[in-house]
Amino acid sequence: MADSKLRIERPLSPHLQIYRPMLTMTMSIVHRVTGAALYFGTVILAFWLIAAASGKANFDVAQAVLGSFLGRIVLFGYTWALLHHMLGGIRHLIWDTGRGFGPEARETLAKMTLGGSIVLTILVWIVAYAVR
């Protein structure tokens, strides 16, 4: 049997209190949150598609709900979450190739993910309203 008095010295894990918040850490958290939000957004998308397949009356109800001010805010947030999560996935794909691990490259990729998701979301909505 192992000697219970023998204690192995192991390094202690750092605690959240000593971490300095960084953009890449925040983007990692946001990536996870947007991934979870996409589940709920997909339910909304399924609701809309099922309503469209169920007939004009059901589709009109879905359009009224999603076309309301609150519905459009939710759809705008879903669009941003989808694009942000996609760009975060591309950032991780770049990291999988072994690139972008330097301090400046990490910050640049995080800023590009955030800025790109905002710009692309606005562009998608501008194009959607222009086509409409």
Protein backbone atom coordinates (compact mmCIF):
# COMPACT_ATOMS: atom_id res chain seq x y z
CA MET A 1 0.00 0.00 0.00
CA ALA A 2 1.06 3.52 -0.64
CA ASP A 3 2.29 5.57 2.25
CA SER A 4 -0.50 8.01 3.09
CA LYS A 5 2.00 10.41 4.70
CA LEU A 6 3.82 10.85 1.39
CA ARG A 7 2.51 14.06 -0.16
CA ILE A 8 3.19 14.95 -3.76
CA GLU A 9 3.81 18.65 -4.33
CA ARG A 10 1.79 19.78 -7.29
CA PRO A 11 1.46 23.23 -8.78
CA LEU A 12 -1.70 25.05 -7.80
CA SER A 13 -4.10 26.11 -10.50
CA PRO A 14 -4.41 29.85 -10.91
CA HIS A 15 -7.67 31.33 -9.73
CA LEU A 16 -9.94 33.64 -11.68
CA GLN A 17 -9.12 36.46 -9.28
CA ILE A 18 -5.53 36.67 -10.54
CA TYR A 19 -6.31 36.52 -14.25
CA ARG A 20 -6.26 39.82 -16.09
CA PRO A 21 -9.31 39.85 -18.40
CA MET A 22 -8.15 39.60 -22.00
CA LEU A 23 -10.01 39.95 -25.26
CA THR A 24 -9.25 36.38 -26.31
CA MET A 25 -10.62 35.07 -23.01
CA THR A 26 -13.79 37.12 -23.49
CA MET A 27 -14.14 35.92 -27.08
CA SER A 28 -13.84 32.32 -25.89
CA ILE A 29 -16.70 32.86 -23.46
CA VAL A 30 -18.79 34.67 -26.08
CA HIS A 31 -18.12 31.84 -28.55
CA ARG A 32 -19.61 29.37 -26.10
CA VAL A 33 -22.57 31.64 -25.34
CA THR A 34 -23.33 32.16 -29.04
CA GLY A 35 -23.14 28.41 -29.57
CA ALA A 36 -25.80 27.92 -26.90
CA ALA A 37 -27.89 30.79 -28.30
CA LEU A 38 -27.88 29.14 -31.71
CA TYR A 39 -29.87 26.23 -30.27
CA PHE A 40 -32.70 28.59 -29.32
CA GLY A 41 -32.45 30.46 -32.60
CA THR A 42 -32.72 27.21 -34.50
CA VAL A 43 -35.94 26.45 -32.62
CA ILE A 44 -37.27 29.81 -33.81
CA LEU A 45 -36.22 28.99 -37.37
CA ALA A 46 -37.93 25.59 -37.13
CA PHE A 47 -41.08 27.31 -35.78
CA TRP A 48 -41.09 29.60 -38.82
CA LEU A 49 -40.53 26.74 -41.29
CA ILE A 50 -43.21 24.56 -39.69
CA ALA A 51 -45.63 27.48 -39.76
CA ALA A 52 -44.85 28.02 -43.45
CA ALA A 53 -45.57 24.36 -44.17
CA SER A 54 -48.75 24.37 -42.07
CA GLY A 55 -50.72 26.88 -44.07
CA LYS A 56 -51.32 30.57 -44.57
CA ALA A 57 -52.98 31.22 -41.20
CA ASN A 58 -50.13 29.68 -39.21
CA PHE A 59 -47.54 31.42 -41.39
CA ASP A 60 -49.26 34.77 -40.84
CA VAL A 61 -49.03 34.23 -37.07
CA ALA A 62 -45.33 33.37 -37.32
CA GLN A 63 -44.71 36.41 -39.52
CA ALA A 64 -46.55 38.65 -37.06
CA VAL A 65 -44.49 37.35 -34.15
CA LEU A 66 -41.13 37.45 -35.91
CA GLY A 67 -41.96 40.67 -37.76
CA SER A 68 -42.74 42.56 -34.57
CA PHE A 69 -40.18 44.92 -33.04
CA LEU A 70 -39.17 42.36 -30.40
CA GLY A 71 -39.10 39.57 -32.99
CA ARG A 72 -36.76 41.55 -35.21
CA ILE A 73 -34.44 42.25 -32.29
CA VAL A 74 -34.33 38.52 -31.55
CA LEU A 75 -33.65 37.75 -35.23
CA PHE A 76 -30.93 40.41 -35.33
CA GLY A 77 -29.32 38.81 -32.27
CA TYR A 78 -29.61 35.38 -33.87
CA THR A 79 -27.93 36.67 -37.02
CA TRP A 80 -25.09 38.18 -34.99
CA ALA A 81 -24.69 34.99 -32.92
CA LEU A 82 -24.57 32.87 -36.08
CA LEU A 83 -21.97 35.06 -37.77
CA HIS A 84 -19.90 35.53 -34.62
CA HIS A 85 -19.86 31.81 -33.96
CA MET A 86 -18.88 31.13 -37.57
CA LEU A 87 -16.00 33.61 -37.45
CA GLY A 88 -14.92 32.19 -34.09
CA GLY A 89 -14.86 28.76 -35.72
CA ILE A 90 -12.68 30.13 -38.52
CA ARG A 91 -10.37 31.62 -35.88
CA HIS A 92 -10.10 28.19 -34.25
CA LEU A 93 -9.45 26.65 -37.67
CA ILE A 94 -6.56 29.07 -38.16
CA TRP A 95 -5.22 28.07 -34.75
CA ASP A 96 -5.55 24.39 -35.73
CA THR A 97 -3.04 25.04 -38.51
CA GLY A 98 -0.53 26.26 -35.91
CA ARG A 99 -0.80 29.92 -36.91
CA GLY A 100 -1.95 32.96 -34.98
CA PHE A 101 -0.66 32.03 -31.53
CA GLY A 102 1.56 35.08 -31.02
CA PRO A 103 0.26 37.74 -28.62
CA GLU A 104 -0.38 40.29 -31.37
CA ALA A 105 -1.89 37.71 -33.73
CA ARG A 106 -4.28 36.45 -31.04
CA GLU A 107 -5.50 39.97 -30.29
CA THR A 108 -5.84 40.77 -33.99
CA LEU A 109 -7.85 37.61 -34.67
CA ALA A 110 -10.11 38.34 -31.69
CA LYS A 111 -10.71 41.92 -32.86
CA MET A 112 -11.37 40.72 -36.40
CA THR A 113 -13.87 38.17 -35.11
CA LEU A 114 -15.77 40.77 -33.13
CA GLY A 115 -15.62 43.52 -35.75
CA GLY A 116 -16.33 41.15 -38.60
CA SER A 117 -19.40 39.72 -36.91
CA ILE A 118 -20.82 43.19 -36.31
CA VAL A 119 -20.10 44.41 -39.85
CA LEU A 120 -21.41 41.22 -41.48
CA THR A 121 -24.60 41.29 -39.38
CA ILE A 122 -25.33 44.86 -40.44
CA LEU A 123 -24.58 44.00 -44.07
CA VAL A 124 -26.86 40.96 -44.00
CA TRP A 125 -29.71 43.07 -42.64
CA ILE A 126 -29.10 45.88 -45.14
CA VAL A 127 -29.16 43.39 -48.02
CA ALA A 128 -32.26 41.69 -46.58
CA TYR A 129 -34.14 45.00 -46.40
CA ALA A 130 -32.90 46.03 -49.87
CA VAL A 131 -34.09 42.76 -51.44
CA ARG A 132 -37.37 42.89 -49.55
